[in-house]
Amino acid sequence: MADYNESAYEREQSSEGYMSGSGGGGGGGFFDGNSTPCERLIFDAQLSSPKEAVVALLQEQDILPIEMLSIGTTSVVAVLYKDQIAGGIASPAVQRLRQCMTEGYKFKALVISKNDGQVRLRVSGA
């Protein structure tokens, strides 16, 4: 887990430990619950709490790393772009993603669409 210290980022964390915000979306894709083996986990998601300055740089088809970061005593799942936080992941599958990452699996996010600040991602194994 990487260490990251940014108070504004920390304030955006929900009680579940992942980023909230950017309304709507989530779900979709190929996620079928906690029974999905980590090596086959693929789902579509919305970028949550998007960082405007970073999102402005994103383009469709960009492949972004997903990391678990430590914010104080909380770990969060974040999507990165050139070592900057682009935002979090809004999806019912985020809990399974967190479990798989804790087990050592690596994941990436493909930007499948971008409409102003709304970014759709396809999450899959790295």
C-alpha atoms as a PDB file:
ATOM      1  CA  MET A   1       0.000   0.000   0.000  1.00  0.00           C
ATOM      2  CA  ALA A   2       1.327   3.422  -0.903  1.00  0.00           C
ATOM      3  CA  ASP A   3       1.395   6.239   1.608  1.00  0.00           C
ATOM      4  CA  TYR A   4      -0.364   9.431   0.600  1.00  0.00           C
ATOM      5  CA  ASN A   5      -0.902  12.477   2.748  1.00  0.00           C
ATOM      6  CA  GLU A   6      -3.391  15.030   1.417  1.00  0.00           C
ATOM      7  CA  SER A   7      -5.906  16.514   3.812  1.00  0.00           C
ATOM      8  CA  ALA A   8      -8.426  17.497   1.095  1.00  0.00           C
ATOM      9  CA  TYR A   9      -8.329  13.952  -0.219  1.00  0.00           C
ATOM     10  CA  GLU A  10      -8.797  12.564   3.272  1.00  0.00           C
ATOM     11  CA  ARG A  11     -11.898  14.725   3.808  1.00  0.00           C
ATOM     12  CA  GLU A  12     -13.514  13.123   0.759  1.00  0.00           C
ATOM     13  CA  GLN A  13     -13.364   9.604   2.166  1.00  0.00           C
ATOM     14  CA  SER A  14     -16.572   7.852   3.086  1.00  0.00           C
ATOM     15  CA  SER A  15     -16.911   5.673   6.165  1.00  0.00           C
ATOM     16  CA  GLU A  16     -16.360   2.589   3.969  1.00  0.00           C
ATOM     17  CA  GLY A  17     -12.867   3.843   3.132  1.00  0.00           C
ATOM     18  CA  TYR A  18     -13.250   4.615  -0.552  1.00  0.00           C
ATOM     19  CA  MET A  19     -13.944   7.824  -2.351  1.00  0.00           C
ATOM     20  CA  SER A  20     -17.476   9.081  -2.746  1.00  0.00           C
ATOM     21  CA  GLY A  21     -19.030  11.719  -4.959  1.00  0.00           C
ATOM     22  CA  SER A  22     -19.597  12.408  -8.656  1.00  0.00           C
ATOM     23  CA  GLY A  23     -23.182  11.120  -8.494  1.00  0.00           C
ATOM     24  CA  GLY A  24     -24.787   8.320 -10.419  1.00  0.00           C
ATOM     25  CA  GLY A  25     -23.314   5.542 -12.438  1.00  0.00           C
ATOM     26  CA  GLY A  26     -21.409   2.622 -11.082  1.00  0.00           C
ATOM     27  CA  GLY A  27     -22.389  -0.962 -11.658  1.00  0.00           C
ATOM     28  CA  GLY A  28     -22.541  -2.511 -15.091  1.00  0.00           C
ATOM     29  CA  GLY A  29     -19.801  -4.596 -16.595  1.00  0.00           C
ATOM     30  CA  PHE A  30     -19.233  -8.242 -15.843  1.00  0.00           C
ATOM     31  CA  PHE A  31     -19.309  -8.272 -12.047  1.00  0.00           C
ATOM     32  CA  ASP A  32     -21.300 -11.101 -10.474  1.00  0.00           C
ATOM     33  CA  GLY A  33     -20.588 -10.644  -6.779  1.00  0.00           C
ATOM     34  CA  ASN A  34     -18.019 -11.889  -4.326  1.00  0.00           C
ATOM     35  CA  SER A  35     -17.857 -15.277  -6.050  1.00  0.00           C
ATOM     36  CA  THR A  36     -15.918 -13.859  -9.019  1.00  0.00           C
ATOM     37  CA  PRO A  37     -12.335 -15.158  -8.920  1.00  0.00           C
ATOM     38  CA  CYS A  38      -9.880 -12.273  -8.610  1.00  0.00           C
ATOM     39  CA  GLU A  39      -8.086 -13.210 -11.825  1.00  0.00           C
ATOM     40  CA  ARG A  40     -11.402 -12.857 -13.734  1.00  0.00           C
ATOM     41  CA  LEU A  41     -12.754  -9.734 -12.028  1.00  0.00           C
ATOM     42  CA  ILE A  42     -13.890  -7.229 -14.691  1.00  0.00           C
ATOM     43  CA  PHE A  43     -16.497  -4.508 -14.229  1.00  0.00           C
ATOM     44  CA  ASP A  44     -17.485  -1.054 -15.438  1.00  0.00           C
ATOM     45  CA  ALA A  45     -17.465   1.814 -12.968  1.00  0.00           C
ATOM     46  CA  GLN A  46     -17.735   5.557 -12.630  1.00  0.00           C
ATOM     47  CA  LEU A  47     -14.751   7.631 -11.504  1.00  0.00           C
ATOM     48  CA  SER A  48     -15.860   9.064  -8.172  1.00  0.00           C
ATOM     49  CA  SER A  49     -14.665  12.329  -6.608  1.00  0.00           C
ATOM     50  CA  PRO A  50     -12.875  13.209  -9.838  1.00  0.00           C
ATOM     51  CA  LYS A  51      -9.996  15.639  -9.526  1.00  0.00           C
ATOM     52  CA  GLU A  52     -10.811  18.264 -12.155  1.00  0.00           C
ATOM     53  CA  ALA A  53      -7.220  19.153 -13.058  1.00  0.00           C
ATOM     54  CA  VAL A  54      -6.270  15.494 -13.531  1.00  0.00           C
ATOM     55  CA  VAL A  55      -9.484  14.482 -15.313  1.00  0.00           C
ATOM     56  CA  ALA A  56      -8.887  17.278 -17.856  1.00  0.00           C
ATOM     57  CA  LEU A  57      -5.763  15.364 -18.961  1.00  0.00           C
ATOM     58  CA  LEU A  58      -7.513  12.001 -19.414  1.00  0.00           C
ATOM     59  CA  GLN A  59      -8.453  10.652 -22.818  1.00  0.00           C
ATOM     60  CA  GLU A  60     -10.549   7.693 -23.900  1.00  0.00           C
ATOM     61  CA  GLN A  61      -8.474   4.497 -24.082  1.00  0.00           C
ATOM     62  CA  ASP A  62      -6.009   5.687 -21.402  1.00  0.00           C
ATOM     63  CA  ILE A  63      -4.991   2.831 -19.109  1.00  0.00           C
ATOM     64  CA  LEU A  64      -4.637   3.912 -15.492  1.00  0.00           C
ATOM     65  CA  PRO A  65      -3.220   2.033 -12.498  1.00  0.00           C
ATOM     66  CA  ILE A  66      -5.425   1.352  -9.490  1.00  0.00           C
ATOM     67  CA  GLU A  67      -3.743   1.511  -6.095  1.00  0.00           C
ATOM     68  CA  MET A  68      -4.678   1.128  -2.457  1.00  0.00           C
ATOM     69  CA  LEU A  69      -3.453   4.197  -0.607  1.00  0.00           C
ATOM     70  CA  SER A  70      -3.165   4.824   3.131  1.00  0.00           C
ATOM     71  CA  ILE A  71      -4.855   7.974   4.352  1.00  0.00           C
ATOM     72  CA  GLY A  72      -4.220   8.124   8.071  1.00  0.00           C
ATOM     73  CA  THR A  73      -5.661   4.846   9.379  1.00  0.00           C
ATOM     74  CA  THR A  74      -7.922   4.325   6.356  1.00  0.00           C
ATOM     75  CA  SER A  75      -7.039   2.552   3.122  1.00  0.00           C
ATOM     76  CA  VAL A  76      -8.690   3.771  -0.067  1.00  0.00           C
ATOM     77  CA  VAL A  77      -8.890   2.486  -3.629  1.00  0.00           C
ATOM     78  CA  ALA A  78      -7.721   5.217  -6.019  1.00  0.00           C
ATOM     79  CA  VAL A  79      -7.269   5.564  -9.767  1.00  0.00           C
ATOM     80  CA  LEU A  80      -4.012   7.288 -10.702  1.00  0.00           C
ATOM     81  CA  TYR A  81      -2.792   9.233 -13.713  1.00  0.00           C
ATOM     82  CA  LYS A  82       0.950   9.935 -13.863  1.00  0.00           C
ATOM     83  CA  ASP A  83       1.228   9.466 -10.089  1.00  0.00           C
ATOM     84  CA  GLN A  84      -1.627  11.894  -9.415  1.00  0.00           C
ATOM     85  CA  ILE A  85      -4.982  10.829  -7.999  1.00  0.00           C
ATOM     86  CA  ALA A  86      -7.671  11.047 -10.673  1.00  0.00           C
ATOM     87  CA  GLY A  87     -10.399   9.856  -8.276  1.00  0.00           C
ATOM     88  CA  GLY A  88     -11.895   6.760  -6.744  1.00  0.00           C
ATOM     89  CA  ILE A  89     -14.155   3.992  -8.038  1.00  0.00           C
ATOM     90  CA  ALA A  90     -17.919   4.057  -7.722  1.00  0.00           C
ATOM     91  CA  SER A  91     -19.254   0.531  -8.156  1.00  0.00           C
ATOM     92  CA  PRO A  92     -20.899  -2.195  -6.123  1.00  0.00           C
ATOM     93  CA  ALA A  93     -17.807  -4.260  -7.014  1.00  0.00           C
ATOM     94  CA  VAL A  94     -15.376  -2.037  -5.112  1.00  0.00           C
ATOM     95  CA  GLN A  95     -15.510  -4.279  -2.031  1.00  0.00           C
ATOM     96  CA  ARG A  96     -14.479  -7.331  -4.091  1.00  0.00           C
ATOM     97  CA  LEU A  97     -11.790  -5.251  -5.784  1.00  0.00           C
ATOM     98  CA  ARG A  98     -10.438  -4.256  -2.371  1.00  0.00           C
ATOM     99  CA  GLN A  99     -10.396  -7.916  -1.252  1.00  0.00           C
ATOM    100  CA  CYS A 100      -8.509  -8.982  -4.372  1.00  0.00           C
ATOM    101  CA  MET A 101      -5.990  -6.158  -4.046  1.00  0.00           C
ATOM    102  CA  THR A 102      -5.412  -7.117  -0.407  1.00  0.00           C
ATOM    103  CA  GLU A 103      -4.619 -10.636  -1.665  1.00  0.00           C
ATOM    104  CA  GLY A 104      -1.944  -9.172  -3.970  1.00  0.00           C
ATOM    105  CA  TYR A 105      -3.796  -8.887  -7.275  1.00  0.00           C
ATOM    106  CA  LYS A 106      -3.070  -5.803  -9.413  1.00  0.00           C
ATOM    107  CA  PHE A 107      -5.747  -3.930 -11.366  1.00  0.00           C
ATOM    108  CA  LYS A 108      -5.983  -1.226 -14.015  1.00  0.00           C
ATOM    109  CA  ALA A 109      -8.747   1.019 -15.306  1.00  0.00           C
ATOM    110  CA  LEU A 110      -9.400   1.648 -19.003  1.00  0.00           C
ATOM    111  CA  VAL A 111     -11.081   4.992 -19.726  1.00  0.00           C
ATOM    112  CA  ILE A 112     -14.048   3.943 -21.870  1.00  0.00           C
ATOM    113  CA  SER A 113     -15.744   7.343 -22.026  1.00  0.00           C
ATOM    114  CA  LYS A 114     -15.331  10.883 -20.797  1.00  0.00           C
ATOM    115  CA  ASN A 115     -18.027  13.527 -20.790  1.00  0.00           C
ATOM    116  CA  ASP A 116     -16.850  16.663 -18.985  1.00  0.00           C
ATOM    117  CA  GLY A 117     -16.150  15.463 -15.414  1.00  0.00           C
ATOM    118  CA  GLN A 118     -17.966  12.133 -15.849  1.00  0.00           C
ATOM    119  CA  VAL A 119     -15.490   9.339 -16.547  1.00  0.00           C
ATOM    120  CA  ARG A 120     -16.504   5.722 -17.194  1.00  0.00           C
ATOM    121  CA  LEU A 121     -13.939   3.013 -16.525  1.00  0.00           C
ATOM    122  CA  ARG A 122     -13.530  -0.684 -17.227  1.00  0.00           C
ATOM    123  CA  VAL A 123     -11.658  -2.256 -14.323  1.00  0.00           C
ATOM    124  CA  SER A 124      -9.691  -5.461 -14.966  1.00  0.00           C
ATOM    125  CA  GLY A 125      -6.549  -7.293 -13.917  1.00  0.00           C
ATOM    126  CA  ALA A 126      -3.257  -5.587 -14.697  1.00  0.00           C
END
